[in-house]
């Protein structure tokens, strides 16, 4: 598996490489880790023509940082999940990162076992959100009531959504921007937006952050496979 880390703290590179090697083996015992590291977005662009399974991006970088860095990396590594690492655990930061289509938000304050669990999830193409933020109403909940009872959500996703809607929602919850989803499925970006809008309405949420909350809270992600 090929992973790119973008972080200006070079002392973290070797520790991250070692942790990722163990995690990759857990996810796929036959796989080996191909690890690259860059100090900032500009440095990472030397690999933009190469394929990666995951990009780990520090929120606070020199030069281009935060959401601007996330958008730049998503554009440069189109179709690759980009997971944000950050020491800033504010609800506003989490909300903005997830709404921008990140494949997850991993606090840098995590101990090694927690970090490993989070990395296993994103390498399995799931979106990671810290439990403490999933429980924060102001991070993910919309103002509208849920249209589907949580206990029925798994059945709803399997039986009521069309195969294309499930496919679009699955990719969205993996952290792919609409443009990347459109290219992956060979459909127009506007079509992706229409599918997501219909799914959000059915779930009683306003955006992908709300949809992510509903699916994770109901442990229903497997219904999208």
C-alpha atoms as a PDB file:
ATOM      1  CA  UNK A   1       0.000   0.000   0.000  1.00  0.00           C
ATOM      2  CA  UNK A   2       1.257   3.447  -0.900  1.00  0.00           C
ATOM      3  CA  UNK A   3       0.839   6.187   1.705  1.00  0.00           C
ATOM      4  CA  UNK A   4       1.966   9.808   1.514  1.00  0.00           C
ATOM      5  CA  UNK A   5       2.422  11.835   4.717  1.00  0.00           C
ATOM      6  CA  UNK A   6       2.487  15.630   4.446  1.00  0.00           C
ATOM      7  CA  UNK A   7       3.803  17.016   7.739  1.00  0.00           C
ATOM      8  CA  UNK A   8       6.538  19.541   8.457  1.00  0.00           C
ATOM      9  CA  UNK A   9       7.576  17.822  11.710  1.00  0.00           C
ATOM     10  CA  UNK A  10      10.188  15.457  10.300  1.00  0.00           C
ATOM     11  CA  UNK A  11      10.730  13.830  13.700  1.00  0.00           C
ATOM     12  CA  UNK A  12       7.295  12.223  13.229  1.00  0.00           C
ATOM     13  CA  UNK A  13       8.106  10.659   9.882  1.00  0.00           C
ATOM     14  CA  UNK A  14       9.900   7.529  11.133  1.00  0.00           C
ATOM     15  CA  UNK A  15       7.345   6.881  13.872  1.00  0.00           C
ATOM     16  CA  UNK A  16       4.490   7.218  11.404  1.00  0.00           C
ATOM     17  CA  UNK A  17       6.250   4.926   8.934  1.00  0.00           C
ATOM     18  CA  UNK A  18       6.732   2.272  11.619  1.00  0.00           C
ATOM     19  CA  UNK A  19       3.125   2.492  12.799  1.00  0.00           C
ATOM     20  CA  UNK A  20       1.800   2.357   9.239  1.00  0.00           C
ATOM     21  CA  UNK A  21       3.878  -0.738   8.463  1.00  0.00           C
ATOM     22  CA  UNK A  22       2.164  -2.595  11.309  1.00  0.00           C
ATOM     23  CA  UNK A  23      -1.270  -1.278  10.356  1.00  0.00           C
ATOM     24  CA  UNK A  24      -0.873  -2.194   6.684  1.00  0.00           C
ATOM     25  CA  UNK A  25       0.068  -5.740   7.680  1.00  0.00           C
ATOM     26  CA  UNK A  26      -3.074  -5.933   9.840  1.00  0.00           C
ATOM     27  CA  UNK A  27      -5.277  -4.690   7.000  1.00  0.00           C
ATOM     28  CA  UNK A  28      -3.680  -6.941   4.365  1.00  0.00           C
ATOM     29  CA  UNK A  29      -1.049  -9.508   5.476  1.00  0.00           C
ATOM     30  CA  UNK A  30       0.131  -9.829   1.870  1.00  0.00           C
ATOM     31  CA  UNK A  31       0.746  -6.085   1.417  1.00  0.00           C
ATOM     32  CA  UNK A  32       3.879  -4.062   2.087  1.00  0.00           C
ATOM     33  CA  UNK A  33       4.145  -0.369   2.841  1.00  0.00           C
ATOM     34  CA  UNK A  34       5.488   2.103   0.276  1.00  0.00           C
ATOM     35  CA  UNK A  35       5.845   5.266   2.374  1.00  0.00           C
ATOM     36  CA  UNK A  36       6.616   8.805   1.187  1.00  0.00           C
ATOM     37  CA  UNK A  37       6.819  11.996   3.243  1.00  0.00           C
ATOM     38  CA  UNK A  38       6.761  15.679   2.318  1.00  0.00           C
ATOM     39  CA  UNK A  39       7.234  18.857   4.347  1.00  0.00           C
ATOM     40  CA  UNK A  40       4.415  20.836   2.731  1.00  0.00           C
ATOM     41  CA  UNK A  41       1.938  20.789  -0.134  1.00  0.00           C
ATOM     42  CA  UNK A  42       4.429  22.161  -2.658  1.00  0.00           C
ATOM     43  CA  UNK A  43       6.921  19.433  -1.706  1.00  0.00           C
ATOM     44  CA  UNK A  44       4.225  16.750  -2.057  1.00  0.00           C
ATOM     45  CA  UNK A  45       3.360  17.792  -5.604  1.00  0.00           C
ATOM     46  CA  UNK A  46       6.471  16.058  -6.962  1.00  0.00           C
ATOM     47  CA  UNK A  47       4.480  12.818  -6.561  1.00  0.00           C
ATOM     48  CA  UNK A  48       1.156  14.070  -7.914  1.00  0.00           C
ATOM     49  CA  UNK A  49       1.375  11.850 -10.992  1.00  0.00           C
ATOM     50  CA  UNK A  50       1.771   8.730  -8.848  1.00  0.00           C
ATOM     51  CA  UNK A  51      -1.037   6.653  -7.358  1.00  0.00           C
ATOM     52  CA  UNK A  52      -1.469   6.443  -3.577  1.00  0.00           C
ATOM     53  CA  UNK A  53      -3.897   4.503  -1.403  1.00  0.00           C
ATOM     54  CA  UNK A  54      -3.986   7.258   1.218  1.00  0.00           C
ATOM     55  CA  UNK A  55      -2.675  10.758   1.883  1.00  0.00           C
ATOM     56  CA  UNK A  56      -2.229  11.885   5.490  1.00  0.00           C
ATOM     57  CA  UNK A  57      -2.248  15.680   5.709  1.00  0.00           C
ATOM     58  CA  UNK A  58      -1.313  17.835   8.686  1.00  0.00           C
ATOM     59  CA  UNK A  59      -3.747  20.710   9.212  1.00  0.00           C
ATOM     60  CA  UNK A  60      -1.077  23.204  10.286  1.00  0.00           C
ATOM     61  CA  UNK A  61       1.596  23.435   7.585  1.00  0.00           C
ATOM     62  CA  UNK A  62       3.947  26.187   6.504  1.00  0.00           C
ATOM     63  CA  UNK A  63       2.629  27.969   3.431  1.00  0.00           C
ATOM     64  CA  UNK A  64      -0.644  26.480   2.222  1.00  0.00           C
ATOM     65  CA  UNK A  65      -2.487  25.044   5.231  1.00  0.00           C
ATOM     66  CA  UNK A  66      -5.888  24.072   6.584  1.00  0.00           C
ATOM     67  CA  UNK A  67      -8.784  23.769   4.163  1.00  0.00           C
ATOM     68  CA  UNK A  68      -6.773  25.405   1.377  1.00  0.00           C
ATOM     69  CA  UNK A  69      -4.176  22.650   1.688  1.00  0.00           C
ATOM     70  CA  UNK A  70      -6.895  19.989   1.758  1.00  0.00           C
ATOM     71  CA  UNK A  71      -8.459  21.299  -1.446  1.00  0.00           C
ATOM     72  CA  UNK A  72      -5.056  21.543  -3.148  1.00  0.00           C
ATOM     73  CA  UNK A  73      -4.114  17.973  -2.207  1.00  0.00           C
ATOM     74  CA  UNK A  74      -7.519  16.618  -3.246  1.00  0.00           C
ATOM     75  CA  UNK A  75      -7.097  18.275  -6.633  1.00  0.00           C
ATOM     76  CA  UNK A  76      -3.507  17.079  -7.096  1.00  0.00           C
ATOM     77  CA  UNK A  77      -4.183  13.496  -5.966  1.00  0.00           C
ATOM     78  CA  UNK A  78      -7.618  13.154  -7.514  1.00  0.00           C
ATOM     79  CA  UNK A  79      -9.483  10.082  -6.325  1.00  0.00           C
ATOM     80  CA  UNK A  80      -7.143   9.391  -3.390  1.00  0.00           C
ATOM     81  CA  UNK A  81      -8.634   9.560   0.127  1.00  0.00           C
ATOM     82  CA  UNK A  82      -7.078  12.426   2.100  1.00  0.00           C
ATOM     83  CA  UNK A  83      -7.209  12.129   5.895  1.00  0.00           C
ATOM     84  CA  UNK A  84      -6.492  15.165   8.060  1.00  0.00           C
ATOM     85  CA  UNK A  85      -4.204  15.055  11.093  1.00  0.00           C
ATOM     86  CA  UNK A  86      -4.476  17.916  13.556  1.00  0.00           C
ATOM     87  CA  UNK A  87      -3.711  19.089  17.035  1.00  0.00           C
ATOM     88  CA  UNK A  88      -6.751  21.361  16.781  1.00  0.00           C
ATOM     89  CA  UNK A  89      -9.742  19.421  18.019  1.00  0.00           C
ATOM     90  CA  UNK A  90     -12.362  22.151  17.889  1.00  0.00           C
ATOM     91  CA  UNK A  91     -15.839  21.155  16.658  1.00  0.00           C
ATOM     92  CA  UNK A  92     -15.643  23.874  14.004  1.00  0.00           C
ATOM     93  CA  UNK A  93     -12.415  22.431  12.608  1.00  0.00           C
ATOM     94  CA  UNK A  94     -13.842  18.895  12.512  1.00  0.00           C
ATOM     95  CA  UNK A  95     -17.022  20.073  10.830  1.00  0.00           C
ATOM     96  CA  UNK A  96     -15.195  22.032   8.140  1.00  0.00           C
ATOM     97  CA  UNK A  97     -12.721  19.252   7.370  1.00  0.00           C
ATOM     98  CA  UNK A  98     -15.423  16.604   6.982  1.00  0.00           C
ATOM     99  CA  UNK A  99     -17.707  18.901   5.005  1.00  0.00           C
ATOM    100  CA  UNK A 100     -14.802  19.521   2.612  1.00  0.00           C
ATOM    101  CA  UNK A 101     -14.666  15.801   1.855  1.00  0.00           C
ATOM    102  CA  UNK A 102     -11.766  14.592   3.978  1.00  0.00           C
ATOM    103  CA  UNK A 103     -11.570  10.842   4.544  1.00  0.00           C
ATOM    104  CA  UNK A 104     -11.308  11.432   8.269  1.00  0.00           C
ATOM    105  CA  UNK A 105     -10.021  13.596  11.081  1.00  0.00           C
ATOM    106  CA  UNK A 106      -7.404  12.076  13.407  1.00  0.00           C
ATOM    107  CA  UNK A 107      -6.279  14.094  16.449  1.00  0.00           C
ATOM    108  CA  UNK A 108      -2.504  14.178  16.836  1.00  0.00           C
ATOM    109  CA  UNK A 109      -3.016  13.868  20.590  1.00  0.00           C
ATOM    110  CA  UNK A 110      -4.025  10.225  20.151  1.00  0.00           C
ATOM    111  CA  UNK A 111      -1.896   7.553  21.767  1.00  0.00           C
ATOM    112  CA  UNK A 112      -0.348   4.989  19.438  1.00  0.00           C
ATOM    113  CA  UNK A 113      -3.098   2.329  19.854  1.00  0.00           C
ATOM    114  CA  UNK A 114      -5.823   4.887  19.081  1.00  0.00           C
ATOM    115  CA  UNK A 115      -3.874   6.214  16.122  1.00  0.00           C
ATOM    116  CA  UNK A 116      -3.412   2.671  14.796  1.00  0.00           C
ATOM    117  CA  UNK A 117      -7.153   1.979  15.068  1.00  0.00           C
ATOM    118  CA  UNK A 118      -7.929   5.175  13.154  1.00  0.00           C
ATOM    119  CA  UNK A 119      -5.420   4.371  10.414  1.00  0.00           C
ATOM    120  CA  UNK A 120      -6.799   0.832  10.022  1.00  0.00           C
ATOM    121  CA  UNK A 121     -10.213   2.307   9.391  1.00  0.00           C
ATOM    122  CA  UNK A 122      -9.146   4.796   6.725  1.00  0.00           C
ATOM    123  CA  UNK A 123      -6.982   2.192   4.986  1.00  0.00           C
ATOM    124  CA  UNK A 124     -10.125   0.043   4.776  1.00  0.00           C
ATOM    125  CA  UNK A 125     -11.781   2.950   2.944  1.00  0.00           C
ATOM    126  CA  UNK A 126     -13.941   4.067   5.852  1.00  0.00           C
ATOM    127  CA  UNK A 127     -14.162   7.584   7.201  1.00  0.00           C
ATOM    128  CA  UNK A 128     -12.741   8.083  10.677  1.00  0.00           C
ATOM    129  CA  UNK A 129     -14.327  10.586  13.054  1.00  0.00           C
ATOM    130  CA  UNK A 130     -13.297  10.712  16.736  1.00  0.00           C
ATOM    131  CA  UNK A 131     -15.999   9.350  19.001  1.00  0.00           C
ATOM    132  CA  UNK A 132     -16.021  12.498  21.093  1.00  0.00           C
ATOM    133  CA  UNK A 133     -16.989  14.512  18.022  1.00  0.00           C
ATOM    134  CA  UNK A 134     -19.630  12.067  16.859  1.00  0.00           C
ATOM    135  CA  UNK A 135     -21.343  12.644  20.180  1.00  0.00           C
ATOM    136  CA  UNK A 136     -21.223  16.423  19.838  1.00  0.00           C
ATOM    137  CA  UNK A 137     -24.596  17.507  18.494  1.00  0.00           C
ATOM    138  CA  UNK A 138     -23.318  20.796  17.091  1.00  0.00           C
ATOM    139  CA  UNK A 139     -20.694  19.059  14.960  1.00  0.00           C
ATOM    140  CA  UNK A 140     -22.821  16.796  12.858  1.00  0.00           C
ATOM    141  CA  UNK A 141     -26.514  17.156  13.534  1.00  0.00           C
ATOM    142  CA  UNK A 142     -28.780  19.184  11.332  1.00  0.00           C
ATOM    143  CA  UNK A 143     -31.871  21.036  12.455  1.00  0.00           C
ATOM    144  CA  UNK A 144     -34.250  18.670  10.709  1.00  0.00           C
ATOM    145  CA  UNK A 145     -35.621  15.494  12.313  1.00  0.00           C
ATOM    146  CA  UNK A 146     -34.384  12.133  11.095  1.00  0.00           C
ATOM    147  CA  UNK A 147     -36.482  10.771   8.234  1.00  0.00           C
ATOM    148  CA  UNK A 148     -35.362   7.179   8.855  1.00  0.00           C
ATOM    149  CA  UNK A 149     -35.294   5.480  12.245  1.00  0.00           C
ATOM    150  CA  UNK A 150     -31.760   4.480  13.232  1.00  0.00           C
ATOM    151  CA  UNK A 151     -32.691   0.839  13.740  1.00  0.00           C
ATOM    152  CA  UNK A 152     -33.973   0.606  10.187  1.00  0.00           C
ATOM    153  CA  UNK A 153     -31.139   2.472   8.532  1.00  0.00           C
ATOM    154  CA  UNK A 154     -29.193  -0.576   7.392  1.00  0.00           C
ATOM    155  CA  UNK A 155     -32.282  -2.031   5.696  1.00  0.00           C
ATOM    156  CA  UNK A 156     -33.116   1.361   4.221  1.00  0.00           C
ATOM    157  CA  UNK A 157     -29.679   1.761   2.655  1.00  0.00           C
ATOM    158  CA  UNK A 158     -29.799  -1.726   1.143  1.00  0.00           C
ATOM    159  CA  UNK A 159     -33.381  -1.765  -0.096  1.00  0.00           C
ATOM    160  CA  UNK A 160     -34.567   1.781  -0.632  1.00  0.00           C
ATOM    161  CA  UNK A 161     -31.555   3.446  -2.241  1.00  0.00           C
ATOM    162  CA  UNK A 162     -30.756   2.661  -5.841  1.00  0.00           C
ATOM    163  CA  UNK A 163     -27.444   0.900  -6.571  1.00  0.00           C
ATOM    164  CA  UNK A 164     -26.079   4.165  -7.994  1.00  0.00           C
ATOM    165  CA  UNK A 165     -27.164   6.139  -4.927  1.00  0.00           C
ATOM    166  CA  UNK A 166     -25.451   3.628  -2.643  1.00  0.00           C
ATOM    167  CA  UNK A 167     -22.321   3.795  -4.768  1.00  0.00           C
ATOM    168  CA  UNK A 168     -22.228   7.602  -4.730  1.00  0.00           C
ATOM    169  CA  UNK A 169     -22.881   7.752  -0.980  1.00  0.00           C
ATOM    170  CA  UNK A 170     -20.224   5.115  -0.272  1.00  0.00           C
ATOM    171  CA  UNK A 171     -17.583   7.091  -2.164  1.00  0.00           C
ATOM    172  CA  UNK A 172     -18.672  10.346  -0.534  1.00  0.00           C
ATOM    173  CA  UNK A 173     -18.308   8.811   2.912  1.00  0.00           C
ATOM    174  CA  UNK A 174     -14.851   7.557   1.963  1.00  0.00           C
ATOM    175  CA  UNK A 175     -13.851  11.180   1.605  1.00  0.00           C
ATOM    176  CA  UNK A 176     -13.859  11.623  -2.166  1.00  0.00           C
ATOM    177  CA  UNK A 177     -14.914  15.061  -3.466  1.00  0.00           C
ATOM    178  CA  UNK A 178     -17.820  15.215  -5.897  1.00  0.00           C
ATOM    179  CA  UNK A 179     -15.498  15.752  -8.847  1.00  0.00           C
ATOM    180  CA  UNK A 180     -13.522  12.608  -8.001  1.00  0.00           C
ATOM    181  CA  UNK A 181     -16.705  10.586  -7.552  1.00  0.00           C
ATOM    182  CA  UNK A 182     -17.909  11.739 -10.966  1.00  0.00           C
ATOM    183  CA  UNK A 183     -14.660  10.652 -12.601  1.00  0.00           C
ATOM    184  CA  UNK A 184     -14.614   7.337 -10.750  1.00  0.00           C
ATOM    185  CA  UNK A 185     -18.157   6.509 -11.890  1.00  0.00           C
ATOM    186  CA  UNK A 186     -17.902   8.206 -15.296  1.00  0.00           C
ATOM    187  CA  UNK A 187     -20.878  10.458 -14.656  1.00  0.00           C
ATOM    188  CA  UNK A 188     -21.349  14.236 -14.563  1.00  0.00           C
ATOM    189  CA  UNK A 189     -20.505  16.099 -11.361  1.00  0.00           C
ATOM    190  CA  UNK A 190     -24.024  17.544 -11.420  1.00  0.00           C
ATOM    191  CA  UNK A 191     -25.410  14.009 -11.387  1.00  0.00           C
ATOM    192  CA  UNK A 192     -23.366  13.242  -8.279  1.00  0.00           C
ATOM    193  CA  UNK A 193     -24.840  16.307  -6.575  1.00  0.00           C
ATOM    194  CA  UNK A 194     -28.369  15.238  -7.517  1.00  0.00           C
ATOM    195  CA  UNK A 195     -27.841  11.721  -6.129  1.00  0.00           C
ATOM    196  CA  UNK A 196     -26.381  13.062  -2.886  1.00  0.00           C
ATOM    197  CA  UNK A 197     -29.136  15.638  -2.513  1.00  0.00           C
ATOM    198  CA  UNK A 198     -31.774  12.902  -2.793  1.00  0.00           C
ATOM    199  CA  UNK A 199     -29.960  10.700  -0.291  1.00  0.00           C
ATOM    200  CA  UNK A 200     -29.523  13.542   2.189  1.00  0.00           C
ATOM    201  CA  UNK A 201     -33.215  14.353   1.955  1.00  0.00           C
ATOM    202  CA  UNK A 202     -34.139  10.725   2.565  1.00  0.00           C
ATOM    203  CA  UNK A 203     -31.836  10.534   5.580  1.00  0.00           C
ATOM    204  CA  UNK A 204     -33.116  13.819   6.988  1.00  0.00           C
ATOM    205  CA  UNK A 205     -29.704  15.516   6.901  1.00  0.00           C
ATOM    206  CA  UNK A 206     -28.288  18.549   5.134  1.00  0.00           C
ATOM    207  CA  UNK A 207     -24.836  17.407   3.994  1.00  0.00           C
ATOM    208  CA  UNK A 208     -22.272  14.608   3.980  1.00  0.00           C
ATOM    209  CA  UNK A 209     -21.277  15.360   7.576  1.00  0.00           C
ATOM    210  CA  UNK A 210     -24.829  14.657   8.685  1.00  0.00           C
ATOM    211  CA  UNK A 211     -24.989  11.545   6.501  1.00  0.00           C
ATOM    212  CA  UNK A 212     -21.702  10.329   7.955  1.00  0.00           C
ATOM    213  CA  UNK A 213     -23.079  10.801  11.463  1.00  0.00           C
ATOM    214  CA  UNK A 214     -26.236   8.823  10.728  1.00  0.00           C
ATOM    215  CA  UNK A 215     -24.415   5.938   9.040  1.00  0.00           C
ATOM    216  CA  UNK A 216     -21.695   5.636  11.698  1.00  0.00           C
ATOM    217  CA  UNK A 217     -24.077   5.980  14.630  1.00  0.00           C
ATOM    218  CA  UNK A 218     -26.188   3.143  13.210  1.00  0.00           C
ATOM    219  CA  UNK A 219     -23.091   1.073  12.326  1.00  0.00           C
ATOM    220  CA  UNK A 220     -24.583   0.797   8.852  1.00  0.00           C
ATOM    221  CA  UNK A 221     -21.572   1.422   6.603  1.00  0.00           C
ATOM    222  CA  UNK A 222     -21.467  -2.229   5.521  1.00  0.00           C
ATOM    223  CA  UNK A 223     -24.879  -1.763   3.890  1.00  0.00           C
ATOM    224  CA  UNK A 224     -23.212   0.399   1.240  1.00  0.00           C
ATOM    225  CA  UNK A 225     -20.752  -2.297   0.090  1.00  0.00           C
END
